């Protein structure tokens, strides 16, 4: 009986230690809310926000998934996708016509030759960087795969905001958008994330999207 009681007590101690570690880890992180707007003050969707720690290592993202870029209504959906290094992205064709997906980007060059409705192809993105994707048959189709080398990355949606949970500290904040006029499409700054959380506002000067790119409307 004493041996069983000792086993139960040990299990309880382990469980308590795990709970303490969980609460401690949560206590050591904070929410960074980044608001991205254009020069006109309107919120900007499809902006990629990423953080790299200053003075300490930056964790890389865990490869999870599935990561999917659909081809539907002669467009790619979503327009901007963030994936970690090593992720496999599938490109299912949901249109009644064939598509020919490709990229000439240095981070990943690939070609998925003609395939029809309800067929799919996959590509592994094994190098960090930006990958512009197009269709060799339909010029109006365009999308971007952002292969991130940090676990702290997110994409803004309609309200132009994204929240990233990180330990308090100093970070290099980078904001990228496909239509940004900034060099390389990126705006960078050093920021400080407080223990109670922080907010950052970033204004991105945008150019007009290409006339054939209907995904921006």
N, C-alpha and C. Protein backbone atom coordinates (compact mmCIF):
# COMPACT_ATOMS: atom_id res chain seq x y z
N UNK A 1 0.83 -1.21 0.00
CA UNK A 1 0.00 0.00 0.00
C UNK A 1 0.86 1.26 0.00
N UNK A 2 1.94 1.25 0.82
CA UNK A 2 2.81 2.42 0.89
C UNK A 2 3.51 2.66 -0.44
N UNK A 3 3.82 1.56 -1.15
CA UNK A 3 4.47 1.71 -2.45
C UNK A 3 3.52 2.36 -3.44
N UNK A 4 2.25 1.95 -3.42
CA UNK A 4 1.26 2.58 -4.31
C UNK A 4 1.07 4.04 -3.98
N UNK A 5 1.03 4.36 -2.69
CA UNK A 5 0.86 5.75 -2.28
C UNK A 5 2.06 6.59 -2.73
N UNK A 6 3.26 6.00 -2.62
CA UNK A 6 4.46 6.71 -3.05
C UNK A 6 4.41 6.98 -4.55
N UNK A 7 3.88 6.02 -5.34
CA UNK A 7 3.76 6.19 -6.79
C UNK A 7 2.76 7.29 -7.14
N UNK A 8 1.63 7.31 -6.40
CA UNK A 8 0.62 8.35 -6.65
C UNK A 8 1.17 9.72 -6.31
N UNK A 9 1.91 9.81 -5.19
CA UNK A 9 2.49 11.09 -4.78
C UNK A 9 3.51 11.58 -5.80
N UNK A 10 4.32 10.66 -6.32
CA UNK A 10 5.32 11.03 -7.33
C UNK A 10 4.63 11.53 -8.60
N UNK A 11 3.57 10.85 -9.03
CA UNK A 11 2.83 11.27 -10.22
C UNK A 11 2.23 12.65 -10.02
N UNK A 12 1.71 12.91 -8.81
CA UNK A 12 1.12 14.22 -8.51
C UNK A 12 2.18 15.31 -8.56
N UNK A 13 3.37 15.00 -8.06
CA UNK A 13 4.45 15.98 -8.08
C UNK A 13 4.89 16.30 -9.50
N UNK A 14 4.94 15.26 -10.34
CA UNK A 14 5.32 15.48 -11.75
C UNK A 14 4.26 16.33 -12.45
N UNK A 15 2.99 16.02 -12.20
CA UNK A 15 1.90 16.79 -12.81
C UNK A 15 1.94 18.25 -12.37
N UNK A 16 2.19 18.47 -11.06
CA UNK A 16 2.28 19.84 -10.55
C UNK A 16 3.44 20.59 -11.18
N UNK A 17 4.56 19.89 -11.37
CA UNK A 17 5.73 20.53 -11.99
C UNK A 17 5.45 20.91 -13.43
N UNK A 18 4.72 20.03 -14.13
CA UNK A 18 4.37 20.34 -15.52
C UNK A 18 3.45 21.54 -15.60
N UNK A 19 2.47 21.61 -14.69
CA UNK A 19 1.57 22.77 -14.67
C UNK A 19 2.33 24.04 -14.36
N UNK A 20 3.26 23.96 -13.42
CA UNK A 20 4.06 25.13 -13.06
C UNK A 20 4.89 25.60 -14.25
N UNK A 21 5.48 24.65 -14.99
CA UNK A 21 6.27 25.01 -16.17
C UNK A 21 5.40 25.65 -17.24
N UNK A 22 4.18 25.11 -17.40
CA UNK A 22 3.26 25.67 -18.39
C UNK A 22 2.89 27.10 -18.05
N UNK A 23 2.52 27.33 -16.80
CA UNK A 23 2.13 28.69 -16.40
C UNK A 23 3.32 29.64 -16.45
N UNK A 24 4.51 29.13 -16.12
CA UNK A 24 5.71 29.97 -16.16
C UNK A 24 6.02 30.38 -17.59
N UNK A 25 5.86 29.44 -18.54
CA UNK A 25 6.16 29.75 -19.94
C UNK A 25 5.18 30.79 -20.46
N UNK A 26 3.91 30.68 -20.05
CA UNK A 26 2.93 31.67 -20.48
C UNK A 26 3.21 33.03 -19.87
N UNK A 27 3.71 33.02 -18.62
CA UNK A 27 3.98 34.29 -17.96
C UNK A 27 5.16 35.00 -18.60
N UNK A 28 6.00 34.25 -19.30
CA UNK A 28 7.18 34.86 -19.90
C UNK A 28 6.98 35.21 -21.37
N UNK A 29 5.76 35.25 -21.81
CA UNK A 29 5.48 35.69 -23.17
C UNK A 29 4.47 36.82 -23.14
N UNK A 30 4.43 37.58 -24.23
CA UNK A 30 3.54 38.73 -24.32
C UNK A 30 3.04 38.86 -25.75
N UNK A 31 1.92 39.53 -25.90
CA UNK A 31 1.35 39.74 -27.23
C UNK A 31 1.87 41.02 -27.85
N UNK A 32 2.42 40.89 -29.04
CA UNK A 32 2.78 42.05 -29.85
C UNK A 32 1.72 42.20 -30.93
N UNK A 33 1.01 43.31 -30.92
CA UNK A 33 -0.02 43.59 -31.92
C UNK A 33 0.55 44.58 -32.92
N UNK A 34 0.60 44.19 -34.18
CA UNK A 34 1.14 45.06 -35.23
C UNK A 34 -0.01 45.48 -36.14
N UNK A 35 -0.18 46.78 -36.29
CA UNK A 35 -1.19 47.34 -37.18
C UNK A 35 -0.50 47.90 -38.41
N UNK A 36 -0.88 47.39 -39.58
CA UNK A 36 -0.26 47.83 -40.83
C UNK A 36 -1.29 48.62 -41.63
N UNK A 37 -0.89 49.83 -42.03
CA UNK A 37 -1.76 50.68 -42.84
C UNK A 37 -1.00 51.20 -44.04
N UNK A 38 -1.76 51.66 -45.04
CA UNK A 38 -1.15 52.31 -46.19
C UNK A 38 -0.94 53.78 -45.91
N UNK A 39 -0.39 54.49 -46.89
CA UNK A 39 -0.16 55.92 -46.72
C UNK A 39 -1.45 56.69 -46.52
N UNK A 40 -2.57 56.10 -46.98
CA UNK A 40 -3.88 56.73 -46.81
C UNK A 40 -4.53 56.42 -45.48
N UNK A 41 -3.83 55.65 -44.63
CA UNK A 41 -4.36 55.31 -43.32
C UNK A 41 -5.27 54.11 -43.29
N UNK A 42 -5.56 53.52 -44.45
CA UNK A 42 -6.45 52.36 -44.49
C UNK A 42 -5.67 51.09 -44.16
N UNK A 43 -6.33 50.13 -43.52
CA UNK A 43 -5.64 48.87 -43.17
C UNK A 43 -5.18 48.12 -44.40
N UNK A 44 -4.07 47.43 -44.26
CA UNK A 44 -3.47 46.67 -45.35
C UNK A 44 -3.51 45.18 -45.03
N UNK A 45 -4.17 44.43 -45.88
CA UNK A 45 -4.20 42.97 -45.73
C UNK A 45 -3.04 42.35 -46.50
N UNK A 46 -2.75 41.10 -46.20
CA UNK A 46 -1.71 40.32 -46.88
C UNK A 46 -0.31 40.87 -46.69
N UNK A 47 -0.10 41.57 -45.58
CA UNK A 47 1.26 41.97 -45.22
C UNK A 47 1.86 40.90 -44.32
N UNK A 48 3.11 40.54 -44.56
CA UNK A 48 3.80 39.55 -43.73
C UNK A 48 4.60 40.29 -42.67
N UNK A 49 4.36 39.94 -41.41
CA UNK A 49 5.07 40.53 -40.28
C UNK A 49 5.93 39.44 -39.66
N UNK A 50 7.23 39.70 -39.52
CA UNK A 50 8.11 38.71 -38.91
C UNK A 50 9.03 39.37 -37.90
N UNK A 51 9.43 38.58 -36.91
CA UNK A 51 10.30 39.06 -35.85
C UNK A 51 11.53 38.17 -35.74
N UNK A 52 12.69 38.81 -35.54
CA UNK A 52 13.93 38.09 -35.22
C UNK A 52 14.49 38.69 -33.93
N UNK A 53 14.83 37.82 -33.00
CA UNK A 53 15.34 38.28 -31.72
C UNK A 53 16.70 38.96 -31.90
N UNK A 54 16.95 39.97 -31.09
CA UNK A 54 18.24 40.68 -31.10
C UNK A 54 19.05 40.22 -29.89
N UNK A 55 20.24 39.69 -30.14
CA UNK A 55 21.12 39.27 -29.05
C UNK A 55 20.87 37.88 -28.52
N UNK A 56 19.95 37.15 -29.15
CA UNK A 56 19.68 35.78 -28.72
C UNK A 56 19.12 35.01 -29.91
N UNK A 57 19.14 33.68 -29.86
CA UNK A 57 18.68 32.90 -31.01
C UNK A 57 17.19 33.11 -31.29
N UNK A 58 16.83 32.99 -32.56
CA UNK A 58 15.44 33.03 -32.99
C UNK A 58 14.98 31.62 -33.32
N UNK A 59 13.92 31.14 -32.69
CA UNK A 59 13.46 29.77 -33.00
C UNK A 59 12.88 29.69 -34.41
N UNK A 60 13.07 28.56 -35.04
CA UNK A 60 12.49 28.35 -36.36
C UNK A 60 11.11 27.74 -36.20
N UNK A 61 10.28 27.91 -37.20
CA UNK A 61 8.93 27.40 -37.13
C UNK A 61 8.88 25.88 -37.26
N UNK A 62 7.94 25.27 -36.58
CA UNK A 62 7.74 23.83 -36.68
C UNK A 62 6.97 23.52 -37.96
N UNK A 63 7.41 22.53 -38.69
CA UNK A 63 6.71 22.14 -39.91
C UNK A 63 5.44 21.38 -39.52
N UNK A 64 4.31 21.98 -39.80
CA UNK A 64 3.03 21.36 -39.49
C UNK A 64 2.24 21.12 -40.76
N UNK A 65 1.21 21.91 -40.92
CA UNK A 65 0.41 21.79 -42.13
C UNK A 65 -0.93 21.16 -41.85
N UNK A 66 -1.66 20.85 -42.89
CA UNK A 66 -1.25 20.96 -44.30
C UNK A 66 -1.22 22.41 -44.77
N UNK A 67 -0.37 22.68 -45.75
CA UNK A 67 -0.27 23.98 -46.38
C UNK A 67 -0.81 23.84 -47.80
N UNK A 68 -1.82 24.65 -48.12
CA UNK A 68 -2.54 24.48 -49.38
C UNK A 68 -2.72 25.83 -50.05
N UNK A 69 -2.44 25.89 -51.34
CA UNK A 69 -2.77 27.04 -52.18
C UNK A 69 -3.70 26.52 -53.28
N UNK A 70 -4.97 26.87 -53.18
CA UNK A 70 -5.96 26.40 -54.14
C UNK A 70 -5.93 27.21 -55.43
N UNK A 71 -6.30 26.56 -56.50
CA UNK A 71 -6.52 27.25 -57.78
C UNK A 71 -8.02 27.17 -58.06
N UNK A 72 -8.68 28.31 -57.93
CA UNK A 72 -10.13 28.36 -58.06
C UNK A 72 -10.54 29.68 -58.67
N UNK A 73 -11.46 29.65 -59.61
CA UNK A 73 -11.93 30.86 -60.30
C UNK A 73 -10.77 31.60 -60.97
N UNK A 74 -9.84 30.84 -61.48
CA UNK A 74 -8.64 31.38 -62.19
C UNK A 74 -7.87 32.33 -61.28
N UNK A 75 -7.76 31.96 -60.01
CA UNK A 75 -6.94 32.69 -59.05
C UNK A 75 -6.33 31.70 -58.07
N UNK A 76 -5.23 32.13 -57.43
CA UNK A 76 -4.67 31.37 -56.32
C UNK A 76 -5.31 31.85 -55.02
N UNK A 77 -5.59 30.93 -54.14
CA UNK A 77 -6.15 31.26 -52.83
C UNK A 77 -5.43 30.43 -51.77
N UNK A 78 -4.81 31.10 -50.77
CA UNK A 78 -4.73 32.53 -50.56
C UNK A 78 -3.68 33.20 -51.45
N UNK A 79 -3.75 34.52 -51.48
CA UNK A 79 -2.82 35.30 -52.28
C UNK A 79 -1.41 35.26 -51.68
N UNK A 80 -1.33 35.32 -50.34
CA UNK A 80 -0.05 35.25 -49.62
C UNK A 80 -0.13 34.13 -48.60
N UNK A 81 0.86 33.25 -48.60
CA UNK A 81 0.93 32.14 -47.65
C UNK A 81 2.27 32.15 -46.95
N UNK A 82 2.27 31.97 -45.63
CA UNK A 82 3.51 31.86 -44.86
C UNK A 82 3.71 30.41 -44.47
N UNK A 83 4.91 29.89 -44.74
CA UNK A 83 5.24 28.52 -44.36
C UNK A 83 6.62 28.49 -43.74
N UNK A 84 6.91 27.51 -42.87
CA UNK A 84 8.27 27.37 -42.34
C UNK A 84 9.17 26.67 -43.36
N UNK A 85 10.45 26.80 -43.15
CA UNK A 85 11.41 26.11 -44.02
C UNK A 85 11.19 24.60 -43.90
N UNK A 86 11.13 23.93 -45.04
CA UNK A 86 10.91 22.50 -45.07
C UNK A 86 9.47 22.09 -45.29
N UNK A 87 8.58 23.06 -45.44
CA UNK A 87 7.15 22.75 -45.59
C UNK A 87 6.83 22.26 -46.99
N UNK A 88 5.89 21.34 -47.06
CA UNK A 88 5.33 20.89 -48.34
C UNK A 88 4.02 21.64 -48.58
N UNK A 89 3.91 22.26 -49.74
CA UNK A 89 2.70 23.01 -50.10
C UNK A 89 2.04 22.31 -51.28
N UNK A 90 0.75 22.03 -51.16
CA UNK A 90 0.02 21.43 -52.27
C UNK A 90 -0.73 22.50 -53.04
N UNK A 91 -0.88 22.25 -54.34
CA UNK A 91 -1.53 23.19 -55.25
C UNK A 91 -2.68 22.46 -55.98
N UNK A 92 -3.79 22.22 -55.31
CA UNK A 92 -4.90 21.53 -55.97
C UNK A 92 -5.59 22.41 -57.01
N UNK A 93 -5.98 21.80 -58.11
CA UNK A 93 -6.70 22.51 -59.17
C UNK A 93 -8.20 22.26 -58.98
N UNK A 94 -8.94 23.31 -58.65
CA UNK A 94 -10.38 23.22 -58.46
C UNK A 94 -11.15 23.82 -59.62
N UNK A 95 -10.44 24.21 -60.66
CA UNK A 95 -11.05 24.83 -61.84
C UNK A 95 -11.35 23.78 -62.91
N UNK A 96 -12.32 24.07 -63.80
CA UNK A 96 -12.62 23.13 -64.89
C UNK A 96 -11.64 23.25 -66.05
N UNK A 97 -10.54 23.97 -65.86
CA UNK A 97 -9.51 24.11 -66.88
C UNK A 97 -8.18 23.67 -66.30
N UNK A 98 -7.19 23.44 -67.14
CA UNK A 98 -5.89 23.00 -66.67
C UNK A 98 -5.03 24.20 -66.28
N UNK A 99 -4.12 23.97 -65.33
CA UNK A 99 -3.18 24.99 -64.88
C UNK A 99 -1.76 24.47 -64.97
N UNK A 100 -0.82 25.41 -65.07
CA UNK A 100 0.60 25.10 -65.18
C UNK A 100 1.33 26.05 -64.22
N UNK A 101 1.57 25.58 -63.00
CA UNK A 101 2.09 26.42 -61.92
C UNK A 101 3.62 26.43 -61.95
N UNK A 102 4.20 27.61 -61.72
CA UNK A 102 5.66 27.69 -61.78
C UNK A 102 6.17 28.85 -60.93
N UNK A 103 7.48 28.86 -60.71
CA UNK A 103 8.16 29.99 -60.09
C UNK A 103 9.61 30.03 -60.57
N UNK A 104 10.10 31.24 -60.80
CA UNK A 104 11.50 31.45 -61.15
C UNK A 104 12.27 32.08 -59.98
N UNK A 105 11.66 32.13 -58.81
CA UNK A 105 12.28 32.81 -57.66
C UNK A 105 13.52 32.06 -57.18
N UNK A 106 14.58 32.79 -56.79
CA UNK A 106 15.80 32.14 -56.32
C UNK A 106 15.58 31.22 -55.12
N UNK A 107 14.63 31.56 -54.25
CA UNK A 107 14.39 30.73 -53.06
C UNK A 107 13.80 29.37 -53.43
N UNK A 108 13.09 29.31 -54.57
CA UNK A 108 12.56 28.02 -55.02
C UNK A 108 12.10 28.13 -56.46
N UNK A 109 12.82 27.45 -57.33
CA UNK A 109 12.43 27.36 -58.73
C UNK A 109 11.71 26.01 -58.94
N UNK A 110 10.53 26.05 -59.52
CA UNK A 110 9.82 24.79 -59.76
C UNK A 110 8.84 24.96 -60.91
N UNK A 111 8.35 23.85 -61.40
CA UNK A 111 7.38 23.85 -62.48
C UNK A 111 6.46 22.64 -62.32
N UNK A 112 5.18 22.91 -62.23
CA UNK A 112 4.16 21.87 -62.15
C UNK A 112 3.39 21.90 -63.47
N UNK A 113 3.78 21.02 -64.36
CA UNK A 113 3.23 21.08 -65.71
C UNK A 113 1.74 20.77 -65.73
N UNK A 114 1.12 21.07 -66.85
CA UNK A 114 -0.33 21.03 -66.98
C UNK A 114 -1.01 19.88 -66.23
N UNK A 115 -1.97 20.25 -65.39
CA UNK A 115 -2.79 19.23 -64.74
C UNK A 115 -4.22 19.75 -64.59
N UNK A 116 -5.16 18.83 -64.50
CA UNK A 116 -6.58 19.15 -64.68
C UNK A 116 -7.33 19.24 -63.35
N UNK A 117 -8.62 19.49 -63.46
CA UNK A 117 -9.51 19.64 -62.31
C UNK A 117 -9.43 18.43 -61.39
N UNK A 118 -9.43 18.71 -60.08
CA UNK A 118 -9.39 17.72 -59.01
C UNK A 118 -8.07 16.97 -58.94
N UNK A 119 -7.06 17.44 -59.67
CA UNK A 119 -5.72 16.91 -59.51
C UNK A 119 -4.91 17.88 -58.66
N UNK A 120 -3.85 17.38 -58.05
CA UNK A 120 -3.02 18.25 -57.21
C UNK A 120 -1.56 17.88 -57.37
N UNK A 121 -0.70 18.83 -57.07
CA UNK A 121 0.74 18.64 -57.08
C UNK A 121 1.30 19.31 -55.82
N UNK A 122 2.48 18.87 -55.37
CA UNK A 122 3.08 19.43 -54.16
C UNK A 122 4.53 19.85 -54.41
N UNK A 123 4.96 20.83 -53.64
CA UNK A 123 6.34 21.33 -53.72
C UNK A 123 6.86 21.50 -52.30
N UNK A 124 8.11 21.09 -52.08
CA UNK A 124 8.76 21.31 -50.78
C UNK A 124 9.59 22.59 -50.84
N UNK A 125 9.36 23.49 -49.89
CA UNK A 125 10.07 24.76 -49.83
C UNK A 125 11.14 24.65 -48.75
N UNK A 126 12.37 24.39 -49.17
CA UNK A 126 13.44 24.06 -48.26
C UNK A 126 14.46 25.18 -48.06
N UNK A 127 14.11 26.38 -48.48
CA UNK A 127 15.03 27.51 -48.32
C UNK A 127 14.23 28.76 -47.99
N UNK A 128 14.68 29.51 -46.99
CA UNK A 128 13.97 30.72 -46.60
C UNK A 128 14.02 31.77 -47.71
N UNK A 129 12.93 32.51 -47.84
CA UNK A 129 12.88 33.56 -48.84
C UNK A 129 11.49 33.70 -49.43
N UNK A 130 11.38 34.60 -50.38
CA UNK A 130 10.10 34.89 -51.01
C UNK A 130 10.01 34.17 -52.34
N UNK A 131 8.87 33.52 -52.57
CA UNK A 131 8.66 32.78 -53.81
C UNK A 131 7.41 33.33 -54.49
N UNK A 132 7.59 33.94 -55.64
CA UNK A 132 6.47 34.43 -56.45
C UNK A 132 5.99 33.31 -57.34
N UNK A 133 4.68 33.07 -57.33
CA UNK A 133 4.09 31.94 -58.04
C UNK A 133 3.16 32.46 -59.14
N UNK A 134 3.20 31.82 -60.30
CA UNK A 134 2.31 32.18 -61.40
C UNK A 134 1.80 30.96 -62.12
N UNK A 135 0.92 31.21 -63.08
CA UNK A 135 0.41 30.15 -63.95
C UNK A 135 0.85 30.45 -65.38
N UNK A 136 1.45 29.49 -66.04
CA UNK A 136 1.97 29.69 -67.38
C UNK A 136 0.87 29.80 -68.43
N UNK A 137 -0.37 29.49 -68.03
CA UNK A 137 -1.51 29.56 -68.94
C UNK A 137 -2.34 30.81 -68.72
N UNK A 138 -2.45 31.24 -67.45
CA UNK A 138 -3.32 32.37 -67.09
C UNK A 138 -2.49 33.46 -66.42
N UNK A 139 -2.22 34.54 -67.16
CA UNK A 139 -1.37 35.61 -66.65
C UNK A 139 -1.97 36.33 -65.45
N UNK A 140 -3.29 36.27 -65.29
CA UNK A 140 -3.94 36.98 -64.18
C UNK A 140 -3.72 36.28 -62.84
N UNK A 141 -3.16 35.08 -62.86
CA UNK A 141 -2.96 34.33 -61.62
C UNK A 141 -1.59 34.64 -61.02
N UNK A 142 -1.60 35.05 -59.76
CA UNK A 142 -0.35 35.30 -59.06
C UNK A 142 -0.55 35.06 -57.57
N UNK A 143 0.51 34.63 -56.92
CA UNK A 143 0.49 34.39 -55.48
C UNK A 143 1.91 34.44 -54.96
N UNK A 144 2.04 34.47 -53.64
CA UNK A 144 3.36 34.54 -53.01
C UNK A 144 3.42 33.54 -51.86
N UNK A 145 4.53 32.80 -51.81
CA UNK A 145 4.83 31.91 -50.70
C UNK A 145 5.99 32.53 -49.94
N UNK A 146 5.76 32.89 -48.68
CA UNK A 146 6.79 33.47 -47.85
C UNK A 146 7.34 32.37 -46.95
N UNK A 147 8.57 31.93 -47.23
CA UNK A 147 9.19 30.85 -46.47
C UNK A 147 9.99 31.49 -45.34
N UNK A 148 9.47 31.36 -44.12
CA UNK A 148 10.03 32.09 -42.98
C UNK A 148 11.06 31.27 -42.23
N UNK A 149 12.13 31.93 -41.79
CA UNK A 149 13.16 31.27 -40.98
C UNK A 149 12.99 31.63 -39.51
N UNK A 150 11.79 32.06 -39.13
CA UNK A 150 11.46 32.38 -37.75
C UNK A 150 10.08 31.84 -37.41
N UNK A 151 9.92 31.42 -36.15
CA UNK A 151 8.61 30.94 -35.71
C UNK A 151 7.66 32.12 -35.46
N UNK A 152 8.22 33.32 -35.40
CA UNK A 152 7.40 34.50 -35.10
C UNK A 152 7.07 35.24 -36.39
N UNK A 153 6.09 34.75 -37.09
CA UNK A 153 5.68 35.37 -38.35
C UNK A 153 4.17 35.23 -38.49
N UNK A 154 3.55 36.24 -39.09
CA UNK A 154 2.11 36.19 -39.30
C UNK A 154 1.70 37.09 -40.45
N UNK A 155 0.47 36.90 -40.92
CA UNK A 155 -0.06 37.67 -42.06
C UNK A 155 -1.26 38.48 -41.61
N UNK A 156 -1.30 39.74 -42.03
CA UNK A 156 -2.44 40.58 -41.70
C UNK A 156 -3.64 40.20 -42.57
N UNK A 157 -4.83 40.35 -42.00
CA UNK A 157 -6.05 40.10 -42.75
C UNK A 157 -6.76 41.43 -42.98
N UNK A 158 -8.09 41.38 -43.15
CA UNK A 158 -8.84 42.58 -43.50
C UNK A 158 -8.59 43.80 -42.62
N UNK A 159 -8.59 43.64 -41.28
CA UNK A 159 -8.34 44.80 -40.41
C UNK A 159 -6.91 45.30 -40.43
N UNK A 160 -6.01 44.59 -41.11
CA UNK A 160 -4.62 45.03 -41.19
C UNK A 160 -3.81 44.75 -39.94
N UNK A 161 -4.29 43.86 -39.09
CA UNK A 161 -3.59 43.56 -37.83
C UNK A 161 -3.16 42.12 -37.76
N UNK A 162 -2.10 41.90 -36.99
CA UNK A 162 -1.66 40.55 -36.67
C UNK A 162 -1.09 40.57 -35.25
N UNK A 163 -1.33 39.50 -34.50
CA UNK A 163 -0.83 39.38 -33.14
C UNK A 163 0.17 38.22 -33.08
N UNK A 164 1.36 38.51 -32.55
CA UNK A 164 2.40 37.49 -32.42
C UNK A 164 2.81 37.41 -30.96
N UNK A 165 2.81 36.21 -30.41
CA UNK A 165 3.14 35.98 -29.01
C UNK A 165 4.62 35.65 -28.87
N UNK A 166 5.36 36.48 -28.14
CA UNK A 166 6.81 36.32 -28.01
C UNK A 166 7.25 36.63 -26.58
N UNK A 167 8.43 36.15 -26.17
CA UNK A 167 8.98 36.59 -24.89
C UNK A 167 9.32 38.07 -24.95
N UNK A 168 9.18 38.80 -23.85
CA UNK A 168 9.59 40.21 -23.84
C UNK A 168 11.06 40.35 -24.22
N UNK A 169 11.36 41.44 -24.89
CA UNK A 169 12.74 41.65 -25.28
C UNK A 169 12.86 42.53 -26.51
N UNK A 170 14.05 42.56 -27.08
CA UNK A 170 14.35 43.39 -28.24
C UNK A 170 14.28 42.55 -29.50
N UNK A 171 13.65 43.11 -30.54
CA UNK A 171 13.44 42.37 -31.79
C UNK A 171 13.68 43.27 -32.99
N UNK A 172 14.04 42.62 -34.10
CA UNK A 172 13.99 43.29 -35.39
C UNK A 172 12.66 42.94 -36.03
N UNK A 173 11.86 43.97 -36.26
CA UNK A 173 10.55 43.80 -36.87
C UNK A 173 10.67 44.09 -38.36
N UNK A 174 10.13 43.20 -39.18
CA UNK A 174 10.13 43.40 -40.63
C UNK A 174 8.71 43.21 -41.15
N UNK A 175 8.28 44.12 -42.01
CA UNK A 175 6.95 44.04 -42.64
C UNK A 175 7.15 44.04 -44.14
N UNK A 176 6.61 43.01 -44.79
CA UNK A 176 6.73 42.88 -46.25
C UNK A 176 5.35 42.84 -46.87
N UNK A 177 5.22 43.45 -48.04
CA UNK A 177 3.98 43.36 -48.81
C UNK A 177 4.35 43.33 -50.29
N UNK A 178 3.61 42.53 -51.10
CA UNK A 178 4.00 42.43 -52.52
C UNK A 178 3.94 43.74 -53.29
N UNK A 179 3.15 44.71 -52.81
CA UNK A 179 3.03 45.98 -53.52
C UNK A 179 3.69 47.14 -52.78
N UNK A 180 4.55 46.82 -51.83
CA UNK A 180 5.24 47.86 -51.08
C UNK A 180 6.28 48.56 -51.96
N UNK A 181 6.38 49.86 -51.81
CA UNK A 181 7.39 50.64 -52.54
C UNK A 181 8.74 50.65 -51.81
N UNK A 182 8.80 50.12 -50.61
CA UNK A 182 10.06 50.09 -49.86
C UNK A 182 11.06 49.17 -50.56
N UNK A 183 12.35 49.40 -50.37
CA UNK A 183 13.37 48.54 -51.00
C UNK A 183 13.16 47.09 -50.62
N UNK A 184 13.07 46.23 -51.64
CA UNK A 184 12.81 44.82 -51.38
C UNK A 184 11.43 44.54 -50.85
N UNK A 185 10.57 45.55 -50.87
CA UNK A 185 9.22 45.38 -50.35
C UNK A 185 9.14 45.32 -48.84
N UNK A 186 10.27 45.61 -48.14
CA UNK A 186 10.33 45.43 -46.69
C UNK A 186 10.56 46.75 -45.96
N UNK A 187 9.93 46.86 -44.82
CA UNK A 187 10.20 47.94 -43.87
C UNK A 187 10.70 47.29 -42.59
N UNK A 188 11.84 47.72 -42.08
CA UNK A 188 12.44 47.11 -40.90
C UNK A 188 12.70 48.16 -39.83
N UNK A 189 12.56 47.72 -38.59
CA UNK A 189 12.89 48.58 -37.46
C UNK A 189 13.17 47.72 -36.24
N UNK A 190 13.88 48.27 -35.27
CA UNK A 190 14.10 47.57 -34.01
C UNK A 190 13.05 48.00 -33.01
N UNK A 191 12.49 47.04 -32.29
CA UNK A 191 11.42 47.35 -31.35
C UNK A 191 11.69 46.67 -30.02
N UNK A 192 10.95 47.08 -29.00
CA UNK A 192 11.02 46.49 -27.68
C UNK A 192 9.64 45.97 -27.32
N UNK A 193 9.54 44.70 -26.96
CA UNK A 193 8.28 44.11 -26.52
C UNK A 193 8.28 44.06 -25.00
N UNK A 194 7.31 44.73 -24.38
CA UNK A 194 7.23 44.80 -22.93
C UNK A 194 6.59 43.55 -22.36
N UNK A 195 6.79 43.33 -21.07
CA UNK A 195 6.24 42.14 -20.41
C UNK A 195 4.71 42.13 -20.47
N UNK A 196 4.09 43.30 -20.48
CA UNK A 196 2.64 43.38 -20.53
C UNK A 196 2.08 43.42 -21.93
N UNK A 197 2.95 43.27 -22.94
CA UNK A 197 2.50 43.36 -24.33
C UNK A 197 2.81 44.71 -24.93
N UNK A 198 2.84 44.78 -26.24
CA UNK A 198 3.16 46.02 -26.95
C UNK A 198 2.34 46.13 -28.23
N UNK A 199 2.27 47.36 -28.75
CA UNK A 199 1.62 47.62 -30.02
C UNK A 199 2.57 48.40 -30.92
N UNK A 200 2.57 48.06 -32.18
CA UNK A 200 3.37 48.78 -33.16
C UNK A 200 2.49 49.12 -34.36
N UNK A 201 2.64 50.34 -34.85
CA UNK A 201 1.94 50.77 -36.05
C UNK A 201 2.96 50.97 -37.16
N UNK A 202 2.70 50.36 -38.31
CA UNK A 202 3.63 50.45 -39.44
C UNK A 202 2.86 50.95 -40.65
N UNK A 203 3.36 52.02 -41.25
CA UNK A 203 2.76 52.56 -42.47
C UNK A 203 3.57 52.09 -43.67
N UNK A 204 2.89 51.47 -44.62
CA UNK A 204 3.56 50.89 -45.79
C UNK A 204 3.16 51.67 -47.04
N UNK A 205 4.13 52.29 -47.73
CA UNK A 205 3.79 52.97 -48.99
C UNK A 205 3.53 51.94 -50.08
N UNK A 206 2.34 51.96 -50.67
CA UNK A 206 1.96 50.95 -51.63
C UNK A 206 1.85 51.52 -53.03
N UNK A 207 2.23 50.71 -54.01
CA UNK A 207 1.96 51.03 -55.41
C UNK A 207 0.68 50.33 -55.82
N UNK A 208 0.11 50.74 -56.93
CA UNK A 208 -1.10 50.09 -57.43
C UNK A 208 -0.77 48.68 -57.90
N UNK A 209 -1.66 47.71 -57.66
CA UNK A 209 -1.41 46.35 -58.15
C UNK A 209 -1.46 46.31 -59.67
N UNK A 210 -0.82 45.33 -60.28
CA UNK A 210 -0.92 45.18 -61.74
C UNK A 210 -2.37 45.08 -62.17
N UNK A 211 -2.68 45.60 -63.35
CA UNK A 211 -4.06 45.62 -63.83
C UNK A 211 -4.63 44.21 -63.94
N UNK A 212 -3.79 43.23 -64.27
CA UNK A 212 -4.31 41.88 -64.44
C UNK A 212 -4.45 41.13 -63.14
N UNK A 213 -3.97 41.73 -62.03
CA UNK A 213 -4.02 41.03 -60.75
C UNK A 213 -5.33 41.36 -60.04
N UNK A 214 -6.34 40.56 -60.26
CA UNK A 214 -7.64 40.80 -59.67
C UNK A 214 -7.72 40.34 -58.22
N UNK A 215 -6.69 39.65 -57.72
CA UNK A 215 -6.74 39.15 -56.34
C UNK A 215 -6.68 40.27 -55.32
N UNK A 216 -6.25 41.46 -55.73
CA UNK A 216 -6.13 42.56 -54.79
C UNK A 216 -7.44 43.31 -54.62
N UNK A 217 -8.48 42.95 -55.33
CA UNK A 217 -9.74 43.67 -55.28
C UNK A 217 -10.81 42.87 -54.58
